[in-house]
Amino acid sequence: MQRAILRVGGMTCPSCLATIKTALSRQRGVNEVNVLFNAGKVKADFDETVIDAQTLATVVNELGYNVEQVTVKEQSR
């Protein structure tokens, strides 16, 4: 299990939070998504054997937001 931390530009309202959370939660292999609207960050726990952090960033970019940085951390199982 890994955690992707995405720094996202362009989140301007609570609707942005819901849009990103819904889109990432629907991805196969994503277990949990937290959007920190005020901090401009998205945290997503995912199974790296199913999906990768770059794919998560691509999903967010395709929604019209700008992923400025991606950090991946190992999570304990």
PDB file of N, CA and C in Angstrom:
ATOM      1  N   MET A   1       0.848  -1.171   0.000  1.00  0.00           N
ATOM      2  CA  MET A   1       0.000   0.000   0.000  1.00  0.00           C
ATOM      3  C   MET A   1       0.897   1.239   0.000  1.00  0.00           C
ATOM      4  N   GLN A   2       0.519   2.204  -0.810  1.00  0.00           N
ATOM      5  CA  GLN A   2       1.258   3.456  -0.866  1.00  0.00           C
ATOM      6  C   GLN A   2       0.293   4.628  -0.706  1.00  0.00           C
ATOM      7  N   ARG A   3       0.865   5.778  -0.359  1.00  0.00           N
ATOM      8  CA  ARG A   3       0.082   7.009  -0.262  1.00  0.00           C
ATOM      9  C   ARG A   3       0.689   8.026  -1.209  1.00  0.00           C
ATOM     10  N   ALA A   4      -0.157   8.561  -2.085  1.00  0.00           N
ATOM     11  CA  ALA A   4       0.264   9.649  -2.958  1.00  0.00           C
ATOM     12  C   ALA A   4      -0.214  10.947  -2.342  1.00  0.00           C
ATOM     13  N   ILE A   5       0.675  11.908  -2.288  1.00  0.00           N
ATOM     14  CA  ILE A   5       0.311  13.245  -1.835  1.00  0.00           C
ATOM     15  C   ILE A   5       0.510  14.158  -3.034  1.00  0.00           C
ATOM     16  N   LEU A   6      -0.590  14.711  -3.518  1.00  0.00           N
ATOM     17  CA  LEU A   6      -0.573  15.566  -4.698  1.00  0.00           C
ATOM     18  C   LEU A   6      -0.782  17.010  -4.273  1.00  0.00           C
ATOM     19  N   ARG A   7       0.110  17.886  -4.694  1.00  0.00           N
ATOM     20  CA  ARG A   7      -0.123  19.314  -4.489  1.00  0.00           C
ATOM     21  C   ARG A   7      -0.842  19.795  -5.743  1.00  0.00           C
ATOM     22  N   VAL A   8      -2.044  20.339  -5.535  1.00  0.00           N
ATOM     23  CA  VAL A   8      -2.932  20.648  -6.654  1.00  0.00           C
ATOM     24  C   VAL A   8      -3.260  22.136  -6.690  1.00  0.00           C
ATOM     25  N   GLY A   9      -3.065  22.738  -7.842  1.00  0.00           N
ATOM     26  CA  GLY A   9      -3.452  24.121  -8.054  1.00  0.00           C
ATOM     27  C   GLY A   9      -4.796  24.182  -8.758  1.00  0.00           C
ATOM     28  N   GLY A  10      -5.522  25.232  -8.504  1.00  0.00           N
ATOM     29  CA  GLY A  10      -6.792  25.428  -9.191  1.00  0.00           C
ATOM     30  C   GLY A  10      -8.022  25.010  -8.409  1.00  0.00           C
ATOM     31  N   MET A  11      -7.829  24.494  -7.189  1.00  0.00           N
ATOM     32  CA  MET A  11      -8.993  24.166  -6.360  1.00  0.00           C
ATOM     33  C   MET A  11      -9.497  25.469  -5.743  1.00  0.00           C
ATOM     34  N   THR A  12     -10.661  25.910  -6.173  1.00  0.00           N
ATOM     35  CA  THR A  12     -11.142  27.212  -5.739  1.00  0.00           C
ATOM     36  C   THR A  12     -12.420  27.166  -4.904  1.00  0.00           C
ATOM     37  N   CYS A  13     -13.040  25.980  -4.779  1.00  0.00           N
ATOM     38  CA  CYS A  13     -14.300  25.919  -4.035  1.00  0.00           C
ATOM     39  C   CYS A  13     -14.537  24.504  -3.510  1.00  0.00           C
ATOM     40  N   PRO A  14     -15.472  24.344  -2.596  1.00  0.00           N
ATOM     41  CA  PRO A  14     -15.773  23.012  -2.063  1.00  0.00           C
ATOM     42  C   PRO A  14     -16.230  22.020  -3.137  1.00  0.00           C
ATOM     43  N   SER A  15     -16.795  22.512  -4.214  1.00  0.00           N
ATOM     44  CA  SER A  15     -17.189  21.635  -5.306  1.00  0.00           C
ATOM     45  C   SER A  15     -15.962  20.971  -5.937  1.00  0.00           C
ATOM     46  N   CYS A  16     -14.854  21.689  -5.986  1.00  0.00           N
ATOM     47  CA  CYS A  16     -13.599  21.127  -6.505  1.00  0.00           C
ATOM     48  C   CYS A  16     -13.183  19.921  -5.659  1.00  0.00           C
ATOM     49  N   LEU A  17     -13.293  20.069  -4.360  1.00  0.00           N
ATOM     50  CA  LEU A  17     -12.966  18.995  -3.426  1.00  0.00           C
ATOM     51  C   LEU A  17     -13.778  17.759  -3.761  1.00  0.00           C
ATOM     52  N   ALA A  18     -15.082  17.920  -3.908  1.00  0.00           N
ATOM     53  CA  ALA A  18     -15.962  16.788  -4.188  1.00  0.00           C
ATOM     54  C   ALA A  18     -15.659  16.153  -5.539  1.00  0.00           C
ATOM     55  N   THR A  19     -15.370  16.968  -6.533  1.00  0.00           N
ATOM     56  CA  THR A  19     -15.079  16.458  -7.876  1.00  0.00           C
ATOM     57  C   THR A  19     -13.829  15.594  -7.868  1.00  0.00           C
ATOM     58  N   ILE A  20     -12.774  16.077  -7.235  1.00  0.00           N
ATOM     59  CA  ILE A  20     -11.515  15.333  -7.180  1.00  0.00           C
ATOM     60  C   ILE A  20     -11.670  14.064  -6.359  1.00  0.00           C
ATOM     61  N   LYS A  21     -12.304  14.176  -5.207  1.00  0.00           N
ATOM     62  CA  LYS A  21     -12.477  13.009  -4.336  1.00  0.00           C
ATOM     63  C   LYS A  21     -13.279  11.920  -5.040  1.00  0.00           C
ATOM     64  N   THR A  22     -14.345  12.290  -5.702  1.00  0.00           N
ATOM     65  CA  THR A  22     -15.179  11.317  -6.408  1.00  0.00           C
ATOM     66  C   THR A  22     -14.408  10.640  -7.535  1.00  0.00           C
ATOM     67  N   ALA A  23     -13.709  11.431  -8.344  1.00  0.00           N
ATOM     68  CA  ALA A  23     -12.983  10.870  -9.484  1.00  0.00           C
ATOM     69  C   ALA A  23     -11.891   9.903  -9.035  1.00  0.00           C
ATOM     70  N   LEU A  24     -11.145  10.256  -8.005  1.00  0.00           N
ATOM     71  CA  LEU A  24     -10.080   9.373  -7.541  1.00  0.00           C
ATOM     72  C   LEU A  24     -10.635   8.142  -6.836  1.00  0.00           C
ATOM     73  N   SER A  25     -11.698   8.302  -6.084  1.00  0.00           N
ATOM     74  CA  SER A  25     -12.298   7.176  -5.365  1.00  0.00           C
ATOM     75  C   SER A  25     -12.829   6.115  -6.322  1.00  0.00           C
ATOM     76  N   ARG A  26     -13.192   6.512  -7.517  1.00  0.00           N
ATOM     77  CA  ARG A  26     -13.727   5.573  -8.513  1.00  0.00           C
ATOM     78  C   ARG A  26     -12.643   4.771  -9.233  1.00  0.00           C
ATOM     79  N   GLN A  27     -11.386   5.138  -9.027  1.00  0.00           N
ATOM     80  CA  GLN A  27     -10.290   4.433  -9.687  1.00  0.00           C
ATOM     81  C   GLN A  27     -10.044   3.090  -9.002  1.00  0.00           C
ATOM     82  N   ARG A  28      -9.915   2.044  -9.801  1.00  0.00           N
ATOM     83  CA  ARG A  28      -9.632   0.722  -9.268  1.00  0.00           C
ATOM     84  C   ARG A  28      -8.274   0.750  -8.554  1.00  0.00           C
ATOM     85  N   GLY A  29      -8.242   0.229  -7.331  1.00  0.00           N
ATOM     86  CA  GLY A  29      -7.007   0.187  -6.559  1.00  0.00           C
ATOM     87  C   GLY A  29      -6.860   1.311  -5.553  1.00  0.00           C
ATOM     88  N   VAL A  30      -7.738   2.312  -5.626  1.00  0.00           N
ATOM     89  CA  VAL A  30      -7.682   3.426  -4.667  1.00  0.00           C
ATOM     90  C   VAL A  30      -8.554   3.062  -3.465  1.00  0.00           C
ATOM     91  N   ASN A  31      -7.955   3.132  -2.281  1.00  0.00           N
ATOM     92  CA  ASN A  31      -8.669   2.721  -1.072  1.00  0.00           C
ATOM     93  C   ASN A  31      -9.280   3.884  -0.305  1.00  0.00           C
ATOM     94  N   GLU A  32      -8.587   4.999  -0.252  1.00  0.00           N
ATOM     95  CA  GLU A  32      -9.078   6.146   0.520  1.00  0.00           C
ATOM     96  C   GLU A  32      -8.533   7.434  -0.086  1.00  0.00           C
ATOM     97  N   VAL A  33      -9.380   8.464  -0.117  1.00  0.00           N
ATOM     98  CA  VAL A  33      -8.968   9.766  -0.643  1.00  0.00           C
ATOM     99  C   VAL A  33      -9.369  10.843   0.354  1.00  0.00           C
ATOM    100  N   ASN A  34      -8.422  11.723   0.661  1.00  0.00           N
ATOM    101  CA  ASN A  34      -8.687  12.894   1.494  1.00  0.00           C
ATOM    102  C   ASN A  34      -8.213  14.126   0.738  1.00  0.00           C
ATOM    103  N   VAL A  35      -9.101  15.113   0.617  1.00  0.00           N
ATOM    104  CA  VAL A  35      -8.746  16.353  -0.055  1.00  0.00           C
ATOM    105  C   VAL A  35      -8.662  17.442   1.003  1.00  0.00           C
ATOM    106  N   LEU A  36      -7.494  18.060   1.093  1.00  0.00           N
ATOM    107  CA  LEU A  36      -7.268  19.141   2.046  1.00  0.00           C
ATOM    108  C   LEU A  36      -7.358  20.446   1.257  1.00  0.00           C
ATOM    109  N   PHE A  37      -8.578  20.925   1.123  1.00  0.00           N
ATOM    110  CA  PHE A  37      -8.887  22.066   0.260  1.00  0.00           C
ATOM    111  C   PHE A  37      -8.017  23.279   0.575  1.00  0.00           C
ATOM    112  N   ASN A  38      -7.963  23.675   1.841  1.00  0.00           N
ATOM    113  CA  ASN A  38      -7.219  24.883   2.219  1.00  0.00           C
ATOM    114  C   ASN A  38      -5.719  24.748   1.995  1.00  0.00           C
ATOM    115  N   ALA A  39      -5.206  23.530   2.089  1.00  0.00           N
ATOM    116  CA  ALA A  39      -3.778  23.296   1.896  1.00  0.00           C
ATOM    117  C   ALA A  39      -3.434  23.024   0.430  1.00  0.00           C
ATOM    118  N   GLY A  40      -4.444  22.805  -0.392  1.00  0.00           N
ATOM    119  CA  GLY A  40      -4.201  22.501  -1.800  1.00  0.00           C
ATOM    120  C   GLY A  40      -3.556  21.141  -1.999  1.00  0.00           C
ATOM    121  N   LYS A  41      -3.926  20.180  -1.137  1.00  0.00           N
ATOM    122  CA  LYS A  41      -3.337  18.847  -1.212  1.00  0.00           C
ATOM    123  C   LYS A  41      -4.411  17.774  -1.307  1.00  0.00           C
ATOM    124  N   VAL A  42      -4.041  16.698  -1.973  1.00  0.00           N
ATOM    125  CA  VAL A  42      -4.884  15.510  -2.064  1.00  0.00           C
ATOM    126  C   VAL A  42      -4.037  14.337  -1.598  1.00  0.00           C
ATOM    127  N   LYS A  43      -4.577  13.545  -0.675  1.00  0.00           N
ATOM    128  CA  LYS A  43      -3.903  12.342  -0.209  1.00  0.00           C
ATOM    129  C   LYS A  43      -4.733  11.150  -0.642  1.00  0.00           C
ATOM    130  N   ALA A  44      -4.085  10.206  -1.323  1.00  0.00           N
ATOM    131  CA  ALA A  44      -4.789   9.021  -1.790  1.00  0.00           C
ATOM    132  C   ALA A  44      -3.992   7.779  -1.440  1.00  0.00           C
ATOM    133  N   ASP A  45      -4.620   6.856  -0.716  1.00  0.00           N
ATOM    134  CA  ASP A  45      -4.006   5.568  -0.411  1.00  0.00           C
ATOM    135  C   ASP A  45      -4.398   4.609  -1.522  1.00  0.00           C
ATOM    136  N   PHE A  46      -3.403   3.902  -2.081  1.00  0.00           N
ATOM    137  CA  PHE A  46      -3.688   3.047  -3.224  1.00  0.00           C
ATOM    138  C   PHE A  46      -2.818   1.804  -3.234  1.00  0.00           C
ATOM    139  N   ASP A  47      -3.293   0.806  -3.939  1.00  0.00           N
ATOM    140  CA  ASP A  47      -2.565  -0.440  -4.131  1.00  0.00           C
ATOM    141  C   ASP A  47      -1.678  -0.281  -5.355  1.00  0.00           C
ATOM    142  N   GLU A  48      -0.365  -0.229  -5.136  1.00  0.00           N
ATOM    143  CA  GLU A  48       0.567   0.033  -6.224  1.00  0.00           C
ATOM    144  C   GLU A  48       0.644  -1.105  -7.236  1.00  0.00           C
ATOM    145  N   THR A  49       0.049  -2.256  -6.926  1.00  0.00           N
ATOM    146  CA  THR A  49       0.017  -3.336  -7.911  1.00  0.00           C
ATOM    147  C   THR A  49      -1.133  -3.149  -8.898  1.00  0.00           C
ATOM    148  N   VAL A  50      -2.017  -2.197  -8.623  1.00  0.00           N
ATOM    149  CA  VAL A  50      -3.184  -1.965  -9.473  1.00  0.00           C
ATOM    150  C   VAL A  50      -3.102  -0.624 -10.205  1.00  0.00           C
ATOM    151  N   ILE A  51      -2.608   0.402  -9.526  1.00  0.00           N
ATOM    152  CA  ILE A  51      -2.570   1.758 -10.077  1.00  0.00           C
ATOM    153  C   ILE A  51      -1.325   2.455  -9.541  1.00  0.00           C
ATOM    154  N   ASP A  52      -0.861   3.473 -10.230  1.00  0.00           N
ATOM    155  CA  ASP A  52       0.314   4.201  -9.743  1.00  0.00           C
ATOM    156  C   ASP A  52      -0.013   5.673  -9.509  1.00  0.00           C
ATOM    157  N   ALA A  53       0.900   6.342  -8.837  1.00  0.00           N
ATOM    158  CA  ALA A  53       0.675   7.742  -8.467  1.00  0.00           C
ATOM    159  C   ALA A  53       0.556   8.648  -9.687  1.00  0.00           C
ATOM    160  N   GLN A  54       1.304   8.355 -10.736  1.00  0.00           N
ATOM    161  CA  GLN A  54       1.233   9.187 -11.940  1.00  0.00           C
ATOM    162  C   GLN A  54      -0.142   9.100 -12.590  1.00  0.00           C
ATOM    163  N   THR A  55      -0.761   7.926 -12.539  1.00  0.00           N
ATOM    164  CA  THR A  55      -2.123   7.785 -13.072  1.00  0.00           C
ATOM    165  C   THR A  55      -3.097   8.623 -12.257  1.00  0.00           C
ATOM    166  N   LEU A  56      -2.918   8.642 -10.940  1.00  0.00           N
ATOM    167  CA  LEU A  56      -3.777   9.475 -10.090  1.00  0.00           C
ATOM    168  C   LEU A  56      -3.616  10.946 -10.467  1.00  0.00           C
ATOM    169  N   ALA A  57      -2.372  11.371 -10.677  1.00  0.00           N
ATOM    170  CA  ALA A  57      -2.111  12.759 -11.075  1.00  0.00           C
ATOM    171  C   ALA A  57      -2.759  13.064 -12.419  1.00  0.00           C
ATOM    172  N   THR A  58      -2.700  12.114 -13.336  1.00  0.00           N
ATOM    173  CA  THR A  58      -3.307  12.302 -14.657  1.00  0.00           C
ATOM    174  C   THR A  58      -4.817  12.480 -14.541  1.00  0.00           C
ATOM    175  N   VAL A  59      -5.450  11.694 -13.680  1.00  0.00           N
ATOM    176  CA  VAL A  59      -6.899  11.826 -13.465  1.00  0.00           C
ATOM    177  C   VAL A  59      -7.233  13.240 -12.995  1.00  0.00           C
ATOM    178  N   VAL A  60      -6.471  13.748 -12.042  1.00  0.00           N
ATOM    179  CA  VAL A  60      -6.722  15.096 -11.508  1.00  0.00           C
ATOM    180  C   VAL A  60      -6.463  16.152 -12.590  1.00  0.00           C
ATOM    181  N   ASN A  61      -5.393  15.989 -13.346  1.00  0.00           N
ATOM    182  CA  ASN A  61      -5.111  16.932 -14.441  1.00  0.00           C
ATOM    183  C   ASN A  61      -6.227  16.938 -15.481  1.00  0.00           C
ATOM    184  N   GLU A  62      -6.759  15.766 -15.799  1.00  0.00           N
ATOM    185  CA  GLU A  62      -7.830  15.671 -16.792  1.00  0.00           C
ATOM    186  C   GLU A  62      -9.128  16.319 -16.322  1.00  0.00           C
ATOM    187  N   LEU A  63      -9.252  16.524 -15.027  1.00  0.00           N
ATOM    188  CA  LEU A  63     -10.417  17.238 -14.482  1.00  0.00           C
ATOM    189  C   LEU A  63     -10.270  18.749 -14.639  1.00  0.00           C
ATOM    190  N   GLY A  64      -9.084  19.196 -15.052  1.00  0.00           N
ATOM    191  CA  GLY A  64      -8.845  20.617 -15.257  1.00  0.00           C
ATOM    192  C   GLY A  64      -8.041  21.295 -14.164  1.00  0.00           C
ATOM    193  N   TYR A  65      -7.506  20.501 -13.236  1.00  0.00           N
ATOM    194  CA  TYR A  65      -6.675  21.048 -12.166  1.00  0.00           C
ATOM    195  C   TYR A  65      -5.209  20.841 -12.529  1.00  0.00           C
ATOM    196  N   ASN A  66      -4.332  21.512 -11.817  1.00  0.00           N
ATOM    197  CA  ASN A  66      -2.909  21.439 -12.114  1.00  0.00           C
ATOM    198  C   ASN A  66      -2.176  20.736 -10.973  1.00  0.00           C
ATOM    199  N   VAL A  67      -1.740  19.504 -11.218  1.00  0.00           N
ATOM    200  CA  VAL A  67      -0.951  18.795 -10.217  1.00  0.00           C
ATOM    201  C   VAL A  67       0.470  19.325 -10.308  1.00  0.00           C
ATOM    202  N   GLU A  68       0.901  19.999  -9.251  1.00  0.00           N
ATOM    203  CA  GLU A  68       2.197  20.665  -9.238  1.00  0.00           C
ATOM    204  C   GLU A  68       3.309  19.788  -8.694  1.00  0.00           C
ATOM    205  N   GLN A  69       2.955  18.823  -7.839  1.00  0.00           N
ATOM    206  CA  GLN A  69       3.961  17.952  -7.240  1.00  0.00           C
ATOM    207  C   GLN A  69       3.300  16.655  -6.803  1.00  0.00           C
ATOM    208  N   VAL A  70       4.029  15.547  -6.950  1.00  0.00           N
ATOM    209  CA  VAL A  70       3.556  14.234  -6.508  1.00  0.00           C
ATOM    210  C   VAL A  70       4.620  13.642  -5.598  1.00  0.00           C
ATOM    211  N   THR A  71       4.201  13.253  -4.398  1.00  0.00           N
ATOM    212  CA  THR A  71       5.082  12.581  -3.445  1.00  0.00           C
ATOM    213  C   THR A  71       4.439  11.245  -3.117  1.00  0.00           C
ATOM    214  N   VAL A  72       5.242  10.177  -3.066  1.00  0.00           N
ATOM    215  CA  VAL A  72       4.723   8.850  -2.743  1.00  0.00           C
ATOM    216  C   VAL A  72       5.417   8.341  -1.492  1.00  0.00           C
ATOM    217  N   LYS A  73       4.623   7.807  -0.578  1.00  0.00           N
ATOM    218  CA  LYS A  73       5.146   7.242   0.656  1.00  0.00           C
ATOM    219  C   LYS A  73       4.609   5.830   0.828  1.00  0.00           C
ATOM    220  N   GLU A  74       5.452   4.945   1.339  1.00  0.00           N
ATOM    221  CA  GLU A  74       5.020   3.590   1.662  1.00  0.00           C
ATOM    222  C   GLU A  74       4.126   3.621   2.892  1.00  0.00           C
ATOM    223  N   GLN A  75       3.061   2.853   2.854  1.00  0.00           N
ATOM    224  CA  GLN A  75       2.175   2.714   4.005  1.00  0.00           C
ATOM    225  C   GLN A  75       2.365   1.310   4.585  1.00  0.00           C
ATOM    226  N   SER A  76       2.250   1.184   5.888  1.00  0.00           N
ATOM    227  CA  SER A  76       2.332  -0.149   6.480  1.00  0.00           C
ATOM    228  C   SER A  76       1.071  -0.925   6.146  1.00  0.00           C
ATOM    229  N   ARG A  77       1.221  -2.198   5.960  1.00  0.00           N
ATOM    230  CA  ARG A  77       0.076  -3.036   5.564  1.00  0.00           C
ATOM    231  C   ARG A  77      -0.639  -3.564   6.751  1.00  0.00           C
TER     232      ARG A  77
END
